[in-house]
mmCIF file of all heavy atoms, coordinates in Angstrom:
data_MODEL
# 
_entry.id   MODEL 
# 
loop_
_atom_site.group_PDB 
_atom_site.id 
_atom_site.type_symbol 
_atom_site.label_atom_id 
_atom_site.label_alt_id 
_atom_site.label_comp_id 
_atom_site.label_asym_id 
_atom_site.label_entity_id 
_atom_site.label_seq_id 
_atom_site.pdbx_PDB_ins_code 
_atom_site.Cartn_x 
_atom_site.Cartn_y 
_atom_site.Cartn_z 
_atom_site.occupancy 
_atom_site.B_iso_or_equiv 
_atom_site.pdbx_formal_charge 
_atom_site.auth_seq_id 
_atom_site.auth_comp_id 
_atom_site.auth_asym_id 
_atom_site.auth_atom_id 
_atom_site.pdbx_PDB_model_num 
ATOM 1   N N   . GLU A 1 1  ? 55.615 -32.946 8.584  1.00 0.00 ? 1  GLU A N   1 
ATOM 2   C CA  . GLU A 1 1  ? 54.947 -31.650 8.625  1.00 0.00 ? 1  GLU A CA  1 
ATOM 3   C C   . GLU A 1 1  ? 53.548 -31.687 8.007  1.00 0.00 ? 1  GLU A C   1 
ATOM 4   O O   . GLU A 1 1  ? 52.617 -31.075 8.517  1.00 0.00 ? 1  GLU A O   1 
ATOM 5   C CB  . GLU A 1 1  ? 55.797 -30.626 7.877  1.00 0.00 ? 1  GLU A CB  1 
ATOM 6   C CG  . GLU A 1 1  ? 55.227 -29.218 7.901  1.00 0.00 ? 1  GLU A CG  1 
ATOM 7   C CD  . GLU A 1 1  ? 56.132 -28.226 7.198  1.00 0.00 ? 1  GLU A CD  1 
ATOM 8   O OE1 . GLU A 1 1  ? 56.570 -28.499 6.067  1.00 0.00 ? 1  GLU A OE1 1 
ATOM 9   O OE2 . GLU A 1 1  ? 56.402 -27.172 7.790  1.00 0.00 ? 1  GLU A OE2 1 
ATOM 10  N N   . ASP A 1 2  ? 53.399 -32.420 6.906  1.00 0.00 ? 2  ASP A N   1 
ATOM 11  C CA  . ASP A 1 2  ? 52.175 -32.340 6.104  1.00 0.00 ? 2  ASP A CA  1 
ATOM 12  C C   . ASP A 1 2  ? 51.588 -33.726 5.854  1.00 0.00 ? 2  ASP A C   1 
ATOM 13  O O   . ASP A 1 2  ? 52.287 -34.746 5.969  1.00 0.00 ? 2  ASP A O   1 
ATOM 14  C CB  . ASP A 1 2  ? 52.471 -31.679 4.757  1.00 0.00 ? 2  ASP A CB  1 
ATOM 15  C CG  . ASP A 1 2  ? 53.150 -30.327 4.906  1.00 0.00 ? 2  ASP A CG  1 
ATOM 16  O OD1 . ASP A 1 2  ? 52.431 -29.347 5.105  1.00 0.00 ? 2  ASP A OD1 1 
ATOM 17  O OD2 . ASP A 1 2  ? 54.387 -30.275 4.839  1.00 0.00 ? 2  ASP A OD2 1 
ATOM 18  N N   . ILE A 1 3  ? 50.316 -33.736 5.443  1.00 0.00 ? 3  ILE A N   1 
ATOM 19  C CA  . ILE A 1 3  ? 49.649 -34.993 5.161  1.00 0.00 ? 3  ILE A CA  1 
ATOM 20  C C   . ILE A 1 3  ? 48.725 -34.825 3.956  1.00 0.00 ? 3  ILE A C   1 
ATOM 21  O O   . ILE A 1 3  ? 48.061 -33.789 3.797  1.00 0.00 ? 3  ILE A O   1 
ATOM 22  C CB  . ILE A 1 3  ? 48.848 -35.484 6.396  1.00 0.00 ? 3  ILE A CB  1 
ATOM 23  C CG1 . ILE A 1 3  ? 48.430 -36.931 6.249  1.00 0.00 ? 3  ILE A CG1 1 
ATOM 24  C CG2 . ILE A 1 3  ? 47.644 -34.602 6.678  1.00 0.00 ? 3  ILE A CG2 1 
ATOM 25  C CD1 . ILE A 1 3  ? 47.964 -37.559 7.559  1.00 0.00 ? 3  ILE A CD1 1 
ATOM 26  N N   . ALA A 1 4  ? 48.734 -35.839 3.075  1.00 0.00 ? 4  ALA A N   1 
ATOM 27  C CA  . ALA A 1 4  ? 47.856 -35.824 1.913  1.00 0.00 ? 4  ALA A CA  1 
ATOM 28  C C   . ALA A 1 4  ? 46.449 -36.222 2.342  1.00 0.00 ? 4  ALA A C   1 
ATOM 29  O O   . ALA A 1 4  ? 46.267 -37.257 3.003  1.00 0.00 ? 4  ALA A O   1 
ATOM 30  C CB  . ALA A 1 4  ? 48.379 -36.778 0.843  1.00 0.00 ? 4  ALA A CB  1 
ATOM 31  N N   . ILE A 1 5  ? 45.462 -35.422 1.970  1.00 0.00 ? 5  ILE A N   1 
ATOM 32  C CA  . ILE A 1 5  ? 44.091 -35.636 2.435  1.00 0.00 ? 5  ILE A CA  1 
ATOM 33  C C   . ILE A 1 5  ? 43.540 -36.967 1.956  1.00 0.00 ? 5  ILE A C   1 
ATOM 34  O O   . ILE A 1 5  ? 42.946 -37.737 2.733  1.00 0.00 ? 5  ILE A O   1 
ATOM 35  C CB  . ILE A 1 5  ? 43.178 -34.487 1.954  1.00 0.00 ? 5  ILE A CB  1 
ATOM 36  C CG1 . ILE A 1 5  ? 43.692 -33.139 2.465  1.00 0.00 ? 5  ILE A CG1 1 
ATOM 37  C CG2 . ILE A 1 5  ? 41.738 -34.724 2.421  1.00 0.00 ? 5  ILE A CG2 1 
ATOM 38  C CD1 . ILE A 1 5  ? 43.716 -33.004 3.951  1.00 0.00 ? 5  ILE A CD1 1 
ATOM 39  N N   . GLN A 1 6  ? 43.719 -37.297 0.692  1.00 0.00 ? 6  GLN A N   1 
ATOM 40  C CA  . GLN A 1 6  ? 43.098 -38.484 0.120  1.00 0.00 ? 6  GLN A CA  1 
ATOM 41  C C   . GLN A 1 6  ? 43.782 -39.773 0.553  1.00 0.00 ? 6  GLN A C   1 
ATOM 42  O O   . GLN A 1 6  ? 43.123 -40.762 0.876  1.00 0.00 ? 6  GLN A O   1 
ATOM 43  C CB  . GLN A 1 6  ? 43.104 -38.390 -1.414 1.00 0.00 ? 6  GLN A CB  1 
ATOM 44  C CG  . GLN A 1 6  ? 42.319 -37.208 -1.966 1.00 0.00 ? 6  GLN A CG  1 
ATOM 45  C CD  . GLN A 1 6  ? 40.851 -37.249 -1.580 1.00 0.00 ? 6  GLN A CD  1 
ATOM 46  O OE1 . GLN A 1 6  ? 40.238 -38.319 -1.497 1.00 0.00 ? 6  GLN A OE1 1 
ATOM 47  N NE2 . GLN A 1 6  ? 40.271 -36.077 -1.308 1.00 0.00 ? 6  GLN A NE2 1 
ATOM 48  N N   . THR A 1 7  ? 45.103 -39.784 0.585  1.00 0.00 ? 7  THR A N   1 
ATOM 49  C CA  . THR A 1 7  ? 45.849 -41.022 0.837  1.00 0.00 ? 7  THR A CA  1 
ATOM 50  C C   . THR A 1 7  ? 46.363 -41.166 2.263  1.00 0.00 ? 7  THR A C   1 
ATOM 51  O O   . THR A 1 7  ? 46.696 -42.273 2.692  1.00 0.00 ? 7  THR A O   1 
ATOM 52  C CB  . THR A 1 7  ? 47.051 -41.115 -0.109 1.00 0.00 ? 7  THR A CB  1 
ATOM 53  O OG1 . THR A 1 7  ? 47.976 -40.045 0.188  1.00 0.00 ? 7  THR A OG1 1 
ATOM 54  C CG2 . THR A 1 7  ? 46.595 -40.998 -1.566 1.00 0.00 ? 7  THR A CG2 1 
ATOM 55  N N   . GLY A 1 8  ? 46.469 -40.051 2.985  1.00 0.00 ? 8  GLY A N   1 
ATOM 56  C CA  . GLY A 1 8  ? 47.049 -40.099 4.323  1.00 0.00 ? 8  GLY A CA  1 
ATOM 57  C C   . GLY A 1 8  ? 48.562 -40.189 4.314  1.00 0.00 ? 8  GLY A C   1 
ATOM 58  O O   . GLY A 1 8  ? 49.192 -40.358 5.367  1.00 0.00 ? 8  GLY A O   1 
ATOM 59  N N   . GLU A 1 9  ? 49.188 -40.041 3.138  1.00 0.00 ? 9  GLU A N   1 
ATOM 60  C CA  . GLU A 1 9  ? 50.642 -40.125 3.050  1.00 0.00 ? 9  GLU A CA  1 
ATOM 61  C C   . GLU A 1 9  ? 51.286 -38.901 3.679  1.00 0.00 ? 9  GLU A C   1 
ATOM 62  O O   . GLU A 1 9  ? 50.806 -37.777 3.533  1.00 0.00 ? 9  GLU A O   1 
ATOM 63  C CB  . GLU A 1 9  ? 51.076 -40.244 1.589  1.00 0.00 ? 9  GLU A CB  1 
ATOM 64  C CG  . GLU A 1 9  ? 52.570 -40.451 1.425  1.00 0.00 ? 9  GLU A CG  1 
ATOM 65  C CD  . GLU A 1 9  ? 52.975 -40.701 -0.015 1.00 0.00 ? 9  GLU A CD  1 
ATOM 66  O OE1 . GLU A 1 9  ? 52.108 -40.572 -0.913 1.00 0.00 ? 9  GLU A OE1 1 
ATOM 67  O OE2 . GLU A 1 9  ? 54.157 -41.029 -0.238 1.00 0.00 ? 9  GLU A OE2 1 
ATOM 68  N N   . LEU A 1 10 ? 52.386 -39.130 4.379  1.00 0.00 ? 10 LEU A N   1 
ATOM 69  C CA  . LEU A 1 10 ? 53.109 -38.043 5.038  1.00 0.00 ? 10 LEU A CA  1 
ATOM 70  C C   . LEU A 1 10 ? 54.074 -37.379 4.069  1.00 0.00 ? 10 LEU A C   1 
ATOM 71  O O   . LEU A 1 10 ? 54.763 -38.050 3.290  1.00 0.00 ? 10 LEU A O   1 
ATOM 72  C CB  . LEU A 1 10 ? 53.875 -38.573 6.245  1.00 0.00 ? 10 LEU A CB  1 
ATOM 73  C CG  . LEU A 1 10 ? 53.027 -39.146 7.389  1.00 0.00 ? 10 LEU A CG  1 
ATOM 74  C CD1 . LEU A 1 10 ? 53.932 -39.689 8.491  1.00 0.00 ? 10 LEU A CD1 1 
ATOM 75  C CD2 . LEU A 1 10 ? 52.073 -38.103 7.948  1.00 0.00 ? 10 LEU A CD2 1 
ATOM 76  N N   . TRP A 1 11 ? 54.134 -36.045 4.148  1.00 0.00 ? 11 TRP A N   1 
ATOM 77  C CA  . TRP A 1 11 ? 55.047 -35.258 3.340  1.00 0.00 ? 11 TRP A CA  1 
ATOM 78  C C   . TRP A 1 11 ? 55.680 -34.182 4.231  1.00 0.00 ? 11 TRP A C   1 
ATOM 79  O O   . TRP A 1 11 ? 55.217 -33.923 5.335  1.00 0.00 ? 11 TRP A O   1 
ATOM 80  C CB  . TRP A 1 11 ? 54.303 -34.590 2.177  1.00 0.00 ? 11 TRP A CB  1 
ATOM 81  C CG  . TRP A 1 11 ? 53.845 -35.552 1.140  1.00 0.00 ? 11 TRP A CG  1 
ATOM 82  C CD1 . TRP A 1 11 ? 52.637 -36.188 1.069  1.00 0.00 ? 11 TRP A CD1 1 
ATOM 83  C CD2 . TRP A 1 11 ? 54.593 -36.023 0.017  1.00 0.00 ? 11 TRP A CD2 1 
ATOM 84  N NE1 . TRP A 1 11 ? 52.579 -37.017 -0.021 1.00 0.00 ? 11 TRP A NE1 1 
ATOM 85  C CE2 . TRP A 1 11 ? 53.769 -36.928 -0.695 1.00 0.00 ? 11 TRP A CE2 1 
ATOM 86  C CE3 . TRP A 1 11 ? 55.876 -35.753 -0.477 1.00 0.00 ? 11 TRP A CE3 1 
ATOM 87  C CZ2 . TRP A 1 11 ? 54.197 -37.569 -1.857 1.00 0.00 ? 11 TRP A CZ2 1 
ATOM 88  C CZ3 . TRP A 1 11 ? 56.301 -36.391 -1.636 1.00 0.00 ? 11 TRP A CZ3 1 
ATOM 89  C CH2 . TRP A 1 11 ? 55.463 -37.281 -2.309 1.00 0.00 ? 11 TRP A CH2 1 
ATOM 90  N N   . GLY A 1 12 ? 56.730 -33.572 3.719  1.00 0.00 ? 12 GLY A N   1 
ATOM 91  C CA  . GLY A 1 12 ? 57.404 -32.522 4.464  1.00 0.00 ? 12 GLY A CA  1 
ATOM 92  C C   . GLY A 1 12 ? 58.479 -33.084 5.375  1.00 0.00 ? 12 GLY A C   1 
ATOM 93  O O   . GLY A 1 12 ? 58.606 -34.292 5.579  1.00 0.00 ? 12 GLY A O   1 
ATOM 94  N N   . ASN A 1 13 ? 59.296 -32.185 5.919  1.00 0.00 ? 13 ASN A N   1 
ATOM 95  C CA  . ASN A 1 13 ? 60.447 -32.609 6.715  1.00 0.00 ? 13 ASN A CA  1 
ATOM 96  C C   . ASN A 1 13 ? 60.030 -33.414 7.948  1.00 0.00 ? 13 ASN A C   1 
ATOM 97  O O   . ASN A 1 13 ? 58.924 -33.277 8.466  1.00 0.00 ? 13 ASN A O   1 
ATOM 98  C CB  . ASN A 1 13 ? 61.291 -31.406 7.102  1.00 0.00 ? 13 ASN A CB  1 
ATOM 99  C CG  . ASN A 1 13 ? 62.113 -30.896 5.938  1.00 0.00 ? 13 ASN A CG  1 
ATOM 100 O OD1 . ASN A 1 13 ? 62.865 -31.654 5.333  1.00 0.00 ? 13 ASN A OD1 1 
ATOM 101 N ND2 . ASN A 1 13 ? 61.973 -29.626 5.598  1.00 0.00 ? 13 ASN A ND2 1 
ATOM 102 N N   . TYR A 1 14 ? 60.973 -34.252 8.420  1.00 0.00 ? 14 TYR A N   1 
ATOM 103 C CA  . TYR A 1 14 ? 60.651 -35.303 9.384  1.00 0.00 ? 14 TYR A CA  1 
ATOM 104 C C   . TYR A 1 14 ? 61.843 -35.542 10.304 1.00 0.00 ? 14 TYR A C   1 
ATOM 105 O O   . TYR A 1 14 ? 62.982 -35.444 9.845  1.00 0.00 ? 14 TYR A O   1 
ATOM 106 C CB  . TYR A 1 14 ? 60.321 -36.572 8.605  1.00 0.00 ? 14 TYR A CB  1 
ATOM 107 C CG  . TYR A 1 14 ? 60.054 -37.799 9.430  1.00 0.00 ? 14 TYR A CG  1 
ATOM 108 C CD1 . TYR A 1 14 ? 58.765 -38.110 9.832  1.00 0.00 ? 14 TYR A CD1 1 
ATOM 109 C CD2 . TYR A 1 14 ? 61.082 -38.671 9.776  1.00 0.00 ? 14 TYR A CD2 1 
ATOM 110 C CE1 . TYR A 1 14 ? 58.511 -39.267 10.561 1.00 0.00 ? 14 TYR A CE1 1 
ATOM 111 C CE2 . TYR A 1 14 ? 60.838 -39.809 10.523 1.00 0.00 ? 14 TYR A CE2 1 
ATOM 112 C CZ  . TYR A 1 14 ? 59.547 -40.103 10.910 1.00 0.00 ? 14 TYR A CZ  1 
ATOM 113 O OH  . TYR A 1 14 ? 59.286 -41.232 11.643 1.00 0.00 ? 14 TYR A OH  1 
ATOM 114 N N   . PRO A 1 15 ? 61.560 -35.909 11.567 1.00 0.00 ? 15 PRO A N   1 
ATOM 115 C CA  . PRO A 1 15 ? 60.295 -35.735 12.282 1.00 0.00 ? 15 PRO A CA  1 
ATOM 116 C C   . PRO A 1 15 ? 60.096 -34.252 12.593 1.00 0.00 ? 15 PRO A C   1 
ATOM 117 O O   . PRO A 1 15 ? 61.046 -33.545 12.928 1.00 0.00 ? 15 PRO A O   1 
ATOM 118 C CB  . PRO A 1 15 ? 60.485 -36.554 13.550 1.00 0.00 ? 15 PRO A CB  1 
ATOM 119 C CG  . PRO A 1 15 ? 61.979 -36.536 13.784 1.00 0.00 ? 15 PRO A CG  1 
ATOM 120 C CD  . PRO A 1 15 ? 62.612 -36.495 12.418 1.00 0.00 ? 15 PRO A CD  1 
ATOM 121 N N   . GLN A 1 16 ? 58.879 -33.788 12.474 1.00 0.00 ? 16 GLN A N   1 
ATOM 122 C CA  . GLN A 1 16 ? 58.568 -32.365 12.593 1.00 0.00 ? 16 GLN A CA  1 
ATOM 123 C C   . GLN A 1 16 ? 58.209 -32.021 14.036 1.00 0.00 ? 16 GLN A C   1 
ATOM 124 O O   . GLN A 1 16 ? 57.269 -32.577 14.605 1.00 0.00 ? 16 GLN A O   1 
ATOM 125 C CB  . GLN A 1 16 ? 57.405 -32.019 11.669 1.00 0.00 ? 16 GLN A CB  1 
ATOM 126 C CG  . GLN A 1 16 ? 56.905 -30.597 11.785 1.00 0.00 ? 16 GLN A CG  1 
ATOM 127 C CD  . GLN A 1 16 ? 57.865 -29.583 11.186 1.00 0.00 ? 16 GLN A CD  1 
ATOM 128 O OE1 . GLN A 1 16 ? 58.802 -29.945 10.504 1.00 0.00 ? 16 GLN A OE1 1 
ATOM 129 N NE2 . GLN A 1 16 ? 57.632 -28.320 11.440 1.00 0.00 ? 16 GLN A NE2 1 
ATOM 130 N N   . THR A 1 17 ? 58.953 -31.107 14.642 1.00 0.00 ? 17 THR A N   1 
ATOM 131 C CA  . THR A 1 17 ? 58.701 -30.766 16.050 1.00 0.00 ? 17 THR A CA  1 
ATOM 132 C C   . THR A 1 17 ? 57.282 -30.235 16.257 1.00 0.00 ? 17 THR A C   1 
ATOM 133 O O   . THR A 1 17 ? 56.628 -30.570 17.237 1.00 0.00 ? 17 THR A O   1 
ATOM 134 C CB  . THR A 1 17 ? 59.721 -29.738 16.555 1.00 0.00 ? 17 THR A CB  1 
ATOM 135 O OG1 . THR A 1 17 ? 59.746 -28.616 15.673 1.00 0.00 ? 17 THR A OG1 1 
ATOM 136 C CG2 . THR A 1 17 ? 61.111 -30.342 16.628 1.00 0.00 ? 17 THR A CG2 1 
ATOM 137 N N   . TYR A 1 18 ? 56.809 -29.379 15.344 1.00 0.00 ? 18 TYR A N   1 
ATOM 138 C CA  . TYR A 1 18 ? 55.441 -28.878 15.430 1.00 0.00 ? 18 TYR A CA  1 
ATOM 139 C C   . TYR A 1 18 ? 54.436 -30.019 15.644 1.00 0.00 ? 18 TYR A C   1 
ATOM 140 O O   . TYR A 1 18 ? 53.556 -29.953 16.496 1.00 0.00 ? 18 TYR A O   1 
ATOM 141 C CB  . TYR A 1 18 ? 55.065 -28.182 14.121 1.00 0.00 ? 18 TYR A CB  1 
ATOM 142 C CG  . TYR A 1 18 ? 55.261 -26.688 14.057 1.00 0.00 ? 18 TYR A CG  1 
ATOM 143 C CD1 . TYR A 1 18 ? 55.360 -26.066 12.814 1.00 0.00 ? 18 TYR A CD1 1 
ATOM 144 C CD2 . TYR A 1 18 ? 55.324 -25.883 15.187 1.00 0.00 ? 18 TYR A CD2 1 
ATOM 145 C CE1 . TYR A 1 18 ? 55.522 -24.693 12.706 1.00 0.00 ? 18 TYR A CE1 1 
ATOM 146 C CE2 . TYR A 1 18 ? 55.482 -24.515 15.084 1.00 0.00 ? 18 TYR A CE2 1 
ATOM 147 C CZ  . TYR A 1 18 ? 55.585 -23.928 13.840 1.00 0.00 ? 18 TYR A CZ  1 
ATOM 148 O OH  . TYR A 1 18 ? 55.732 -22.576 13.741 1.00 0.00 ? 18 TYR A OH  1 
ATOM 149 N N   . SER A 1 19 ? 54.554 -31.036 14.804 1.00 0.00 ? 19 SER A N   1 
ATOM 150 C CA  . SER A 1 19 ? 53.582 -32.132 14.838 1.00 0.00 ? 19 SER A CA  1 
ATOM 151 C C   . SER A 1 19 ? 53.668 -32.918 16.139 1.00 0.00 ? 19 SER A C   1 
ATOM 152 O O   . SER A 1 19 ? 52.645 -33.342 16.696 1.00 0.00 ? 19 SER A O   1 
ATOM 153 C CB  . SER A 1 19 ? 53.800 -33.055 13.638 1.00 0.00 ? 19 SER A CB  1 
ATOM 154 O OG  . SER A 1 19 ? 53.661 -32.348 12.419 1.00 0.00 ? 19 SER A OG  1 
ATOM 155 N N   . LEU A 1 20 ? 54.880 -33.119 16.629 1.00 0.00 ? 20 LEU A N   1 
ATOM 156 C CA  . LEU A 1 20 ? 55.053 -33.852 17.889 1.00 0.00 ? 20 LEU A CA  1 
ATOM 157 C C   . LEU A 1 20 ? 54.529 -33.039 19.064 1.00 0.00 ? 20 LEU A C   1 
ATOM 158 O O   . LEU A 1 20 ? 53.969 -33.588 20.020 1.00 0.00 ? 20 LEU A O   1 
ATOM 159 C CB  . LEU A 1 20 ? 56.526 -34.203 18.090 1.00 0.00 ? 20 LEU A CB  1 
ATOM 160 C CG  . LEU A 1 20 ? 57.172 -34.998 16.950 1.00 0.00 ? 20 LEU A CG  1 
ATOM 161 C CD1 . LEU A 1 20 ? 58.617 -35.329 17.279 1.00 0.00 ? 20 LEU A CD1 1 
ATOM 162 C CD2 . LEU A 1 20 ? 56.393 -36.264 16.638 1.00 0.00 ? 20 LEU A CD2 1 
ATOM 163 N N   . VAL A 1 21 ? 54.699 -31.720 18.991 1.00 0.00 ? 21 VAL A N   1 
ATOM 164 C CA  . VAL A 1 21 ? 54.110 -30.832 20.000 1.00 0.00 ? 21 VAL A CA  1 
ATOM 165 C C   . VAL A 1 21 ? 52.596 -31.014 20.026 1.00 0.00 ? 21 VAL A C   1 
ATOM 166 O O   . VAL A 1 21 ? 51.971 -31.066 21.092 1.00 0.00 ? 21 VAL A O   1 
ATOM 167 C CB  . VAL A 1 21 ? 54.476 -29.367 19.692 1.00 0.00 ? 21 VAL A CB  1 
ATOM 168 C CG1 . VAL A 1 21 ? 53.580 -28.398 20.443 1.00 0.00 ? 21 VAL A CG1 1 
ATOM 169 C CG2 . VAL A 1 21 ? 55.942 -29.106 20.037 1.00 0.00 ? 21 VAL A CG2 1 
ATOM 170 N N   . GLY A 1 22 ? 51.984 -31.112 18.843 1.00 0.00 ? 22 GLY A N   1 
ATOM 171 C CA  . GLY A 1 22 ? 50.545 -31.298 18.769 1.00 0.00 ? 22 GLY A CA  1 
ATOM 172 C C   . GLY A 1 22 ? 50.081 -32.569 19.448 1.00 0.00 ? 22 GLY A C   1 
ATOM 173 O O   . GLY A 1 22 ? 49.043 -32.583 20.125 1.00 0.00 ? 22 GLY A O   1 
ATOM 174 N N   . ILE A 1 23 ? 50.835 -33.645 19.289 1.00 0.00 ? 23 ILE A N   1 
ATOM 175 C CA  . ILE A 1 23 ? 50.494 -34.906 19.957 1.00 0.00 ? 23 ILE A CA  1 
ATOM 176 C C   . ILE A 1 23 ? 50.465 -34.711 21.464 1.00 0.00 ? 23 ILE A C   1 
ATOM 177 O O   . ILE A 1 23 ? 49.523 -35.123 22.150 1.00 0.00 ? 23 ILE A O   1 
ATOM 178 C CB  . ILE A 1 23 ? 51.498 -36.013 19.561 1.00 0.00 ? 23 ILE A CB  1 
ATOM 179 C CG1 . ILE A 1 23 ? 51.321 -36.390 18.086 1.00 0.00 ? 23 ILE A CG1 1 
ATOM 180 C CG2 . ILE A 1 23 ? 51.316 -37.248 20.451 1.00 0.00 ? 23 ILE A CG2 1 
ATOM 181 C CD1 . ILE A 1 23 ? 52.376 -37.358 17.574 1.00 0.00 ? 23 ILE A CD1 1 
ATOM 182 N N   . ILE A 1 24 ? 51.513 -34.084 21.994 1.00 0.00 ? 24 ILE A N   1 
ATOM 183 C CA  . ILE A 1 24 ? 51.603 -33.896 23.442 1.00 0.00 ? 24 ILE A CA  1 
ATOM 184 C C   . ILE A 1 24 ? 50.483 -32.992 23.950 1.00 0.00 ? 24 ILE A C   1 
ATOM 185 O O   . ILE A 1 24 ? 49.783 -33.329 24.911 1.00 0.00 ? 24 ILE A O   1 
ATOM 186 C CB  . ILE A 1 24 ? 52.984 -33.316 23.812 1.00 0.00 ? 24 ILE A CB  1 
ATOM 187 C CG1 . ILE A 1 24 ? 54.082 -34.350 23.548 1.00 0.00 ? 24 ILE A CG1 1 
ATOM 188 C CG2 . ILE A 1 24 ? 53.005 -32.872 25.277 1.00 0.00 ? 24 ILE A CG2 1 
ATOM 189 C CD1 . ILE A 1 24 ? 55.489 -33.805 23.688 1.00 0.00 ? 24 ILE A CD1 1 
# 
């Protein structure tokens, strides 16, 4: 769901449908 700005580390529940929708 989320991403840390400085490190690029992923946070939040996974895999997030919202985020995969964005890719498509």
